[in-house]
Each structure stands twice: as C-alpha cells, then as structure tokens.
Amino acid sequence: MRNARRSLMGLAFAVAASSACGAQTTVDVAKITCEQLTLMRVADPDHIAIWLSGYYSGKRDKTTVDIEQLKENARKVKSYCLYNKGTVMQAVEAVVGAER
C-alpha cells in the first residue's frame, strides 16, 4: 500500500510539473532583433524562419512551400543579422524582399 501511495504521489507530481513546463509564450515577431535571433534568445531561428515564411506566403496568397528556398532564405537572414542591427523583419525585407 505504501508503494502504491508513493507511486501515485510521484505521478501527481510529474503531471503537475509537466503542465507548468508547458506554459505558452507569446512573441511579437516584428520586435525580434537580429541580436536576439543570432543569440537564440527568443526561439530557435529555424522556427522563426518557418513562421516568417508562412507570414509572407500568406501576404502573397501563396499556399506552397519551396523547402530548399526556405532553408536558403533562413541562411541569408541569419548571415545578414550577424553583421547588421535592426529587426528580423527588416532583415527579411533587406535580404529576401526582392524575391517576392
């Protein structure tokens, strides 16, 4: 009986801990700086690149994704951000904007 009680207490603790760790974070992508992107202070840069790709595709009413182009654009934006200040959205406009 004691082991069963300990197991249930452990399970309850694990469930409580996992729900606390799953807290949702909201980020205003327009405010992410190049420095935050390169230092990975906000999120994984690849996740940001995927979101930005969807954002700009939505603005163009485009429903397809060229995965290789997405990877190349993400690489260009990261490279731009290494040597320039500003926001990630400005970096996208500077580097990839002409391709739209």
N, C-alpha and C. Protein backbone atom coordinates (compact mmCIF):
# COMPACT_ATOMS: atom_id res chain seq x y z
N MET A 1 0.82 -1.19 0.00
CA MET A 1 0.00 0.00 0.00
C MET A 1 0.87 1.25 0.00
N ARG A 2 1.94 1.21 0.75
CA ARG A 2 2.84 2.36 0.82
C ARG A 2 3.47 2.67 -0.54
N ASN A 3 3.87 1.62 -1.27
CA ASN A 3 4.46 1.81 -2.60
C ASN A 3 3.44 2.39 -3.58
N ALA A 4 2.22 1.93 -3.48
CA ALA A 4 1.18 2.45 -4.36
C ALA A 4 0.95 3.94 -4.09
N ARG A 5 0.93 4.32 -2.83
CA ARG A 5 0.73 5.73 -2.46
C ARG A 5 1.89 6.58 -2.98
N ARG A 6 3.11 6.07 -2.82
CA ARG A 6 4.29 6.80 -3.31
C ARG A 6 4.24 6.94 -4.83
N SER A 7 3.83 5.87 -5.50
CA SER A 7 3.73 5.92 -6.96
C SER A 7 2.71 6.95 -7.40
N LEU A 8 1.56 6.99 -6.73
CA LEU A 8 0.53 7.97 -7.07
C LEU A 8 1.00 9.39 -6.79
N MET A 9 1.70 9.58 -5.68
CA MET A 9 2.23 10.91 -5.36
C MET A 9 3.25 11.33 -6.42
N GLY A 10 4.11 10.40 -6.83
CA GLY A 10 5.10 10.68 -7.86
C GLY A 10 4.46 11.02 -9.18
N LEU A 11 3.42 10.27 -9.54
CA LEU A 11 2.69 10.54 -10.78
C LEU A 11 2.02 11.91 -10.73
N ALA A 12 1.40 12.24 -9.61
CA ALA A 12 0.76 13.54 -9.46
C ALA A 12 1.78 14.67 -9.58
N PHE A 13 2.94 14.48 -8.98
CA PHE A 13 3.99 15.49 -9.07
C PHE A 13 4.46 15.65 -10.51
N ALA A 14 4.64 14.54 -11.21
CA ALA A 14 5.11 14.59 -12.60
C ALA A 14 4.10 15.30 -13.49
N VAL A 15 2.82 15.03 -13.30
CA VAL A 15 1.78 15.69 -14.10
C VAL A 15 1.76 17.19 -13.80
N ALA A 16 1.86 17.56 -12.55
CA ALA A 16 1.86 18.97 -12.17
C ALA A 16 3.08 19.68 -12.75
N ALA A 17 4.23 19.03 -12.69
CA ALA A 17 5.45 19.64 -13.22
C ALA A 17 5.40 19.79 -14.72
N SER A 18 4.85 18.80 -15.42
CA SER A 18 4.80 18.88 -16.88
C SER A 18 3.81 19.94 -17.34
N SER A 19 2.72 20.14 -16.63
CA SER A 19 1.76 21.17 -17.03
C SER A 19 2.34 22.56 -16.78
N ALA A 20 3.16 22.73 -15.76
CA ALA A 20 3.80 24.02 -15.51
C ALA A 20 4.85 24.32 -16.57
N CYS A 21 5.53 23.30 -17.06
CA CYS A 21 6.56 23.49 -18.08
C CYS A 21 5.96 23.79 -19.43
N GLY A 22 4.72 23.44 -19.65
CA GLY A 22 4.08 23.64 -20.94
C GLY A 22 3.43 25.00 -21.09
N ALA A 23 3.84 25.97 -20.31
CA ALA A 23 3.26 27.30 -20.38
C ALA A 23 3.48 27.89 -21.76
N GLN A 24 2.47 28.57 -22.25
CA GLN A 24 2.53 29.15 -23.58
C GLN A 24 3.21 30.52 -23.53
N THR A 25 4.06 30.79 -24.49
CA THR A 25 4.74 32.06 -24.59
C THR A 25 4.31 32.73 -25.88
N THR A 26 4.00 34.00 -25.81
CA THR A 26 3.61 34.77 -26.98
C THR A 26 4.74 35.73 -27.33
N VAL A 27 5.08 35.78 -28.61
CA VAL A 27 6.18 36.61 -29.08
C VAL A 27 5.68 37.49 -30.22
N ASP A 28 6.03 38.77 -30.17
CA ASP A 28 5.74 39.68 -31.27
C ASP A 28 6.93 39.59 -32.22
N VAL A 29 6.76 38.87 -33.32
CA VAL A 29 7.87 38.61 -34.24
C VAL A 29 8.41 39.91 -34.83
N ALA A 30 7.57 40.91 -34.98
CA ALA A 30 8.01 42.19 -35.53
C ALA A 30 9.05 42.88 -34.63
N LYS A 31 9.12 42.48 -33.37
CA LYS A 31 10.05 43.11 -32.43
C LYS A 31 11.31 42.30 -32.17
N ILE A 32 11.42 41.12 -32.78
CA ILE A 32 12.62 40.30 -32.58
C ILE A 32 13.79 40.98 -33.29
N THR A 33 14.86 41.22 -32.56
CA THR A 33 16.03 41.87 -33.15
C THR A 33 16.97 40.84 -33.75
N CYS A 34 17.85 41.32 -34.61
CA CYS A 34 18.87 40.45 -35.18
C CYS A 34 19.73 39.83 -34.09
N GLU A 35 20.05 40.62 -33.08
CA GLU A 35 20.87 40.11 -31.98
C GLU A 35 20.15 38.96 -31.27
N GLN A 36 18.86 39.12 -31.01
CA GLN A 36 18.10 38.06 -30.36
C GLN A 36 18.06 36.81 -31.23
N LEU A 37 17.96 36.99 -32.54
CA LEU A 37 17.92 35.85 -33.45
C LEU A 37 19.25 35.10 -33.42
N THR A 38 20.35 35.82 -33.56
CA THR A 38 21.65 35.16 -33.65
C THR A 38 22.06 34.53 -32.32
N LEU A 39 21.63 35.11 -31.21
CA LEU A 39 21.95 34.54 -29.90
C LEU A 39 20.90 33.55 -29.41
N MET A 40 19.87 33.31 -30.22
CA MET A 40 18.78 32.38 -29.92
C MET A 40 18.13 32.69 -28.58
N ARG A 41 17.88 33.97 -28.33
CA ARG A 41 17.28 34.38 -27.06
C ARG A 41 15.76 34.25 -27.04
N VAL A 42 15.13 34.22 -28.19
CA VAL A 42 13.67 34.18 -28.23
C VAL A 42 13.17 32.78 -28.55
N ALA A 43 13.70 32.22 -29.63
CA ALA A 43 13.28 30.89 -30.07
C ALA A 43 14.32 30.37 -31.04
N ASP A 44 14.17 29.13 -31.41
CA ASP A 44 15.05 28.53 -32.41
C ASP A 44 14.90 29.33 -33.71
N PRO A 45 16.00 29.81 -34.29
CA PRO A 45 15.92 30.59 -35.52
C PRO A 45 15.18 29.88 -36.65
N ASP A 46 15.27 28.56 -36.70
CA ASP A 46 14.54 27.82 -37.73
C ASP A 46 13.03 27.94 -37.54
N HIS A 47 12.58 27.96 -36.30
CA HIS A 47 11.15 28.13 -36.04
C HIS A 47 10.69 29.52 -36.47
N ILE A 48 11.52 30.51 -36.21
CA ILE A 48 11.19 31.88 -36.62
C ILE A 48 11.15 31.96 -38.14
N ALA A 49 12.10 31.30 -38.81
CA ALA A 49 12.14 31.30 -40.27
C ALA A 49 10.89 30.66 -40.85
N ILE A 50 10.44 29.59 -40.26
CA ILE A 50 9.22 28.93 -40.74
C ILE A 50 8.02 29.84 -40.56
N TRP A 51 7.92 30.50 -39.40
CA TRP A 51 6.80 31.42 -39.17
C TRP A 51 6.83 32.56 -40.19
N LEU A 52 8.01 33.15 -40.39
CA LEU A 52 8.14 34.26 -41.34
C LEU A 52 7.78 33.83 -42.75
N SER A 53 8.18 32.64 -43.14
CA SER A 53 7.83 32.12 -44.46
C SER A 53 6.32 32.04 -44.61
N GLY A 54 5.66 31.53 -43.59
CA GLY A 54 4.19 31.46 -43.63
C GLY A 54 3.55 32.83 -43.66
N TYR A 55 4.11 33.75 -42.89
CA TYR A 55 3.58 35.12 -42.85
C TYR A 55 3.63 35.77 -44.22
N TYR A 56 4.82 35.72 -44.84
CA TYR A 56 4.96 36.36 -46.15
C TYR A 56 4.22 35.59 -47.24
N SER A 57 4.14 34.27 -47.14
CA SER A 57 3.36 33.49 -48.10
C SER A 57 1.88 33.86 -47.99
N GLY A 58 1.41 34.06 -46.77
CA GLY A 58 0.02 34.47 -46.57
C GLY A 58 -0.27 35.83 -47.17
N LYS A 59 0.68 36.75 -47.04
CA LYS A 59 0.50 38.08 -47.62
C LYS A 59 0.42 38.01 -49.15
N ARG A 60 1.09 37.01 -49.74
CA ARG A 60 1.09 36.85 -51.20
C ARG A 60 0.02 35.86 -51.66
N ASP A 61 -0.79 35.36 -50.72
CA ASP A 61 -1.82 34.36 -51.01
C ASP A 61 -1.22 33.13 -51.68
N LYS A 62 -0.06 32.73 -51.21
CA LYS A 62 0.68 31.58 -51.74
C LYS A 62 0.55 30.42 -50.76
N THR A 63 0.18 29.26 -51.28
CA THR A 63 -0.05 28.11 -50.39
C THR A 63 0.99 27.01 -50.54
N THR A 64 2.02 27.24 -51.33
CA THR A 64 3.07 26.24 -51.50
C THR A 64 4.34 26.68 -50.78
N VAL A 65 5.19 25.71 -50.45
CA VAL A 65 6.45 25.98 -49.78
C VAL A 65 7.57 25.30 -50.55
N ASP A 66 8.57 26.07 -50.94
CA ASP A 66 9.79 25.53 -51.53
C ASP A 66 10.77 25.35 -50.37
N ILE A 67 10.92 24.14 -49.91
CA ILE A 67 11.72 23.85 -48.72
C ILE A 67 13.17 24.31 -48.89
N GLU A 68 13.76 24.05 -50.04
CA GLU A 68 15.15 24.46 -50.25
C GLU A 68 15.28 25.98 -50.25
N GLN A 69 14.31 26.68 -50.84
CA GLN A 69 14.34 28.13 -50.83
C GLN A 69 14.14 28.67 -49.42
N LEU A 70 13.29 28.02 -48.63
CA LEU A 70 13.08 28.40 -47.24
C LEU A 70 14.40 28.29 -46.47
N LYS A 71 15.11 27.19 -46.64
CA LYS A 71 16.39 26.99 -45.97
C LYS A 71 17.40 28.06 -46.40
N GLU A 72 17.45 28.33 -47.71
CA GLU A 72 18.39 29.33 -48.22
C GLU A 72 18.06 30.72 -47.69
N ASN A 73 16.78 31.08 -47.67
CA ASN A 73 16.38 32.38 -47.15
C ASN A 73 16.70 32.51 -45.67
N ALA A 74 16.49 31.44 -44.92
CA ALA A 74 16.80 31.45 -43.48
C ALA A 74 18.30 31.65 -43.28
N ARG A 75 19.11 31.00 -44.11
CA ARG A 75 20.56 31.15 -44.02
C ARG A 75 20.95 32.60 -44.34
N LYS A 76 20.34 33.19 -45.36
CA LYS A 76 20.64 34.58 -45.74
C LYS A 76 20.28 35.55 -44.62
N VAL A 77 19.12 35.33 -44.00
CA VAL A 77 18.69 36.24 -42.93
C VAL A 77 19.62 36.12 -41.72
N LYS A 78 19.98 34.89 -41.36
CA LYS A 78 20.91 34.70 -40.23
C LYS A 78 22.25 35.37 -40.51
N SER A 79 22.74 35.20 -41.73
CA SER A 79 24.01 35.81 -42.12
C SER A 79 23.91 37.33 -42.07
N TYR A 80 22.83 37.88 -42.59
CA TYR A 80 22.62 39.33 -42.56
C TYR A 80 22.61 39.83 -41.11
N CYS A 81 21.92 39.10 -40.26
CA CYS A 81 21.79 39.51 -38.86
C CYS A 81 23.11 39.45 -38.10
N LEU A 82 24.03 38.62 -38.53
CA LEU A 82 25.34 38.56 -37.88
C LEU A 82 26.10 39.87 -38.01
N TYR A 83 25.86 40.58 -39.11
CA TYR A 83 26.65 41.78 -39.40
C TYR A 83 25.85 43.08 -39.39
N ASN A 84 24.56 43.00 -39.10
CA ASN A 84 23.71 44.19 -39.12
C ASN A 84 22.81 44.24 -37.90
N LYS A 85 22.40 45.45 -37.56
CA LYS A 85 21.45 45.63 -36.46
C LYS A 85 20.06 45.81 -37.06
N GLY A 86 19.08 45.83 -36.19
CA GLY A 86 17.70 46.01 -36.63
C GLY A 86 16.87 44.82 -36.26
N THR A 87 15.67 44.78 -36.79
CA THR A 87 14.77 43.67 -36.51
C THR A 87 14.92 42.59 -37.56
N VAL A 88 14.44 41.41 -37.23
CA VAL A 88 14.47 40.30 -38.17
C VAL A 88 13.58 40.61 -39.37
N MET A 89 12.47 41.27 -39.14
CA MET A 89 11.57 41.63 -40.25
C MET A 89 12.29 42.57 -41.21
N GLN A 90 13.10 43.50 -40.70
CA GLN A 90 13.88 44.38 -41.56
C GLN A 90 14.93 43.57 -42.33
N ALA A 91 15.51 42.58 -41.68
CA ALA A 91 16.49 41.72 -42.35
C ALA A 91 15.84 40.96 -43.50
N VAL A 92 14.65 40.45 -43.27
CA VAL A 92 13.93 39.72 -44.32
C VAL A 92 13.66 40.66 -45.49
N GLU A 93 13.20 41.86 -45.20
CA GLU A 93 12.92 42.83 -46.26
C GLU A 93 14.20 43.14 -47.05
N ALA A 94 15.32 43.29 -46.34
CA ALA A 94 16.58 43.65 -47.00
C ALA A 94 17.14 42.50 -47.84
N VAL A 95 17.01 41.29 -47.36
CA VAL A 95 17.67 40.15 -48.00
C VAL A 95 16.75 39.41 -48.97
N VAL A 96 15.54 39.20 -48.57
CA VAL A 96 14.64 38.35 -49.35
C VAL A 96 13.54 39.19 -50.02
N GLY A 97 13.38 40.41 -49.61
CA GLY A 97 12.29 41.24 -50.12
C GLY A 97 12.19 41.32 -51.63
N ALA A 98 13.31 41.36 -52.33
CA ALA A 98 13.29 41.48 -53.79
C ALA A 98 12.79 40.22 -54.46
N GLU A 99 12.84 39.11 -53.77
CA GLU A 99 12.41 37.83 -54.38
C GLU A 99 10.91 37.65 -54.39
N ARG A 100 10.19 38.52 -53.72
CA ARG A 100 8.74 38.36 -53.64
C ARG A 100 8.12 38.87 -54.84
